[in-house]
Amino acid sequence: MTANIKSIRMWDDNPDKTRVSKVVRIEFKFPCTWTVLSIEELKQILRVWIKGEELKYPTRTNLYGNTVKGRSLLFEEIIKVFEEDL
């Protein structure tokens, strides 16, 4: 982990009860105004995000009419980012 990150996890006890899906919570070891994430930390965020999406959408219908797990929703959005002209 980056020196200032304590944990990356799903926020199970989020006080905002209007949220339908779980969110990723990053806790810092001490007050900080910024951080630079490593590839491993980004992957951990994606792992937790996928778990949260699959709690909200255990299965869904994708663009092609196939029934798939909720992770495909996130995957489709990530593909869109890679296809952008940066």
C-alpha atoms as a PDB file:
ATOM      1  CA  MET A   1       0.000   0.000   0.000  1.00  0.00           C
ATOM      2  CA  THR A   2       1.002   3.565  -0.559  1.00  0.00           C
ATOM      3  CA  ALA A   3       2.463   4.991   2.650  1.00  0.00           C
ATOM      4  CA  ASN A   4      -0.599   7.108   3.458  1.00  0.00           C
ATOM      5  CA  ILE A   5      -3.334   4.495   2.742  1.00  0.00           C
ATOM      6  CA  LYS A   6      -4.524   2.388   5.661  1.00  0.00           C
ATOM      7  CA  SER A   7      -7.138   0.285   3.829  1.00  0.00           C
ATOM      8  CA  ILE A   8      -9.283  -0.113   0.715  1.00  0.00           C
ATOM      9  CA  ARG A   9     -12.541  -1.910   1.429  1.00  0.00           C
ATOM     10  CA  MET A  10     -16.268  -1.983   0.850  1.00  0.00           C
ATOM     11  CA  TRP A  11     -18.074   0.550   3.027  1.00  0.00           C
ATOM     12  CA  ASP A  12     -20.583  -1.750   4.706  1.00  0.00           C
ATOM     13  CA  ASP A  13     -21.681   0.714   7.403  1.00  0.00           C
ATOM     14  CA  ASN A  14     -22.131   3.750   5.147  1.00  0.00           C
ATOM     15  CA  PRO A  15     -24.528   6.120   6.957  1.00  0.00           C
ATOM     16  CA  ASP A  16     -25.961   7.330   3.632  1.00  0.00           C
ATOM     17  CA  LYS A  17     -28.946   4.971   3.395  1.00  0.00           C
ATOM     18  CA  THR A  18     -30.082   6.497   0.083  1.00  0.00           C
ATOM     19  CA  ARG A  19     -27.247   4.697  -1.741  1.00  0.00           C
ATOM     20  CA  VAL A  20     -28.485   1.604  -3.521  1.00  0.00           C
ATOM     21  CA  SER A  21     -25.065   0.004  -4.023  1.00  0.00           C
ATOM     22  CA  LYS A  22     -22.042  -0.442  -1.804  1.00  0.00           C
ATOM     23  CA  VAL A  23     -19.160   1.956  -2.340  1.00  0.00           C
ATOM     24  CA  VAL A  24     -15.397   1.676  -2.043  1.00  0.00           C
ATOM     25  CA  ARG A  25     -13.967   3.323   1.073  1.00  0.00           C
ATOM     26  CA  ILE A  26     -10.315   4.343   1.212  1.00  0.00           C
ATOM     27  CA  GLU A  27      -9.037   5.098   4.715  1.00  0.00           C
ATOM     28  CA  PHE A  28      -5.879   7.121   5.182  1.00  0.00           C
ATOM     29  CA  LYS A  29      -3.344   6.618   7.966  1.00  0.00           C
ATOM     30  CA  PHE A  30      -3.127  10.348   8.628  1.00  0.00           C
ATOM     31  CA  PRO A  31      -4.576  13.590   7.252  1.00  0.00           C
ATOM     32  CA  CYS A  32      -3.510  14.159   3.659  1.00  0.00           C
ATOM     33  CA  THR A  33      -4.626  16.268   0.738  1.00  0.00           C
ATOM     34  CA  TRP A  34      -3.592  13.921  -2.091  1.00  0.00           C
ATOM     35  CA  THR A  35      -2.159  10.523  -2.932  1.00  0.00           C
ATOM     36  CA  VAL A  36      -0.791   8.618  -5.919  1.00  0.00           C
ATOM     37  CA  LEU A  37      -2.280   5.149  -6.315  1.00  0.00           C
ATOM     38  CA  SER A  38      -0.271   2.130  -7.375  1.00  0.00           C
ATOM     39  CA  ILE A  39      -1.507  -0.416  -9.920  1.00  0.00           C
ATOM     40  CA  GLU A  40      -2.180  -2.852  -7.052  1.00  0.00           C
ATOM     41  CA  GLU A  41      -4.299  -0.240  -5.243  1.00  0.00           C
ATOM     42  CA  LEU A  42      -6.274   0.486  -8.397  1.00  0.00           C
ATOM     43  CA  LYS A  43      -6.862  -3.250  -8.818  1.00  0.00           C
ATOM     44  CA  GLN A  44      -8.041  -3.493  -5.197  1.00  0.00           C
ATOM     45  CA  ILE A  45     -10.486  -0.628  -5.800  1.00  0.00           C
ATOM     46  CA  LEU A  46     -11.814  -2.474  -8.866  1.00  0.00           C
ATOM     47  CA  ARG A  47     -12.164  -5.733  -6.898  1.00  0.00           C
ATOM     48  CA  VAL A  48     -14.215  -4.036  -4.180  1.00  0.00           C
ATOM     49  CA  TRP A  49     -16.223  -2.048  -6.735  1.00  0.00           C
ATOM     50  CA  ILE A  50     -17.096  -5.277  -8.580  1.00  0.00           C
ATOM     51  CA  LYS A  51     -18.311  -6.857  -5.319  1.00  0.00           C
ATOM     52  CA  GLY A  52     -20.514  -3.820  -4.677  1.00  0.00           C
ATOM     53  CA  GLU A  53     -21.936  -3.861  -8.210  1.00  0.00           C
ATOM     54  CA  GLU A  54     -22.745  -7.555  -7.945  1.00  0.00           C
ATOM     55  CA  LEU A  55     -24.613  -6.995  -4.685  1.00  0.00           C
ATOM     56  CA  LYS A  56     -26.721  -4.387  -6.493  1.00  0.00           C
ATOM     57  CA  TYR A  57     -26.988  -6.257  -9.815  1.00  0.00           C
ATOM     58  CA  PRO A  58     -26.468 -10.009  -9.222  1.00  0.00           C
ATOM     59  CA  THR A  59     -27.443 -10.482 -12.873  1.00  0.00           C
ATOM     60  CA  ARG A  60     -28.447  -8.027 -15.554  1.00  0.00           C
ATOM     61  CA  THR A  61     -29.075  -7.923 -19.279  1.00  0.00           C
ATOM     62  CA  ASN A  62     -26.189  -6.449 -21.265  1.00  0.00           C
ATOM     63  CA  LEU A  63     -26.286  -4.508 -24.534  1.00  0.00           C
ATOM     64  CA  TYR A  64     -26.554  -7.758 -26.521  1.00  0.00           C
ATOM     65  CA  GLY A  65     -29.505  -9.160 -24.549  1.00  0.00           C
ATOM     66  CA  ASN A  66     -27.405 -11.685 -22.612  1.00  0.00           C
ATOM     67  CA  THR A  67     -27.844 -12.201 -18.887  1.00  0.00           C
ATOM     68  CA  VAL A  68     -24.550 -11.429 -17.150  1.00  0.00           C
ATOM     69  CA  LYS A  69     -23.184 -10.622 -13.702  1.00  0.00           C
ATOM     70  CA  GLY A  70     -23.139  -7.029 -12.472  1.00  0.00           C
ATOM     71  CA  ARG A  71     -19.403  -6.769 -13.116  1.00  0.00           C
ATOM     72  CA  SER A  72     -20.143  -6.473 -16.827  1.00  0.00           C
ATOM     73  CA  LEU A  73     -21.726  -3.073 -16.205  1.00  0.00           C
ATOM     74  CA  LEU A  74     -18.424  -1.815 -14.804  1.00  0.00           C
ATOM     75  CA  PHE A  75     -16.426  -3.587 -17.519  1.00  0.00           C
ATOM     76  CA  GLU A  76     -18.476  -1.933 -20.275  1.00  0.00           C
ATOM     77  CA  GLU A  77     -17.764   1.483 -18.730  1.00  0.00           C
ATOM     78  CA  ILE A  78     -14.033   0.745 -18.450  1.00  0.00           C
ATOM     79  CA  ILE A  79     -13.944  -0.290 -22.128  1.00  0.00           C
ATOM     80  CA  LYS A  80     -15.542   3.049 -23.037  1.00  0.00           C
ATOM     81  CA  VAL A  81     -12.728   4.875 -21.225  1.00  0.00           C
ATOM     82  CA  PHE A  82     -10.082   2.877 -23.115  1.00  0.00           C
ATOM     83  CA  GLU A  83     -11.789   3.684 -26.402  1.00  0.00           C
ATOM     84  CA  GLU A  84     -11.774   7.466 -25.732  1.00  0.00           C
ATOM     85  CA  ASP A  85      -9.402   9.594 -27.751  1.00  0.00           C
ATOM     86  CA  LEU A  86      -7.217  10.954 -24.954  1.00  0.00           C
END
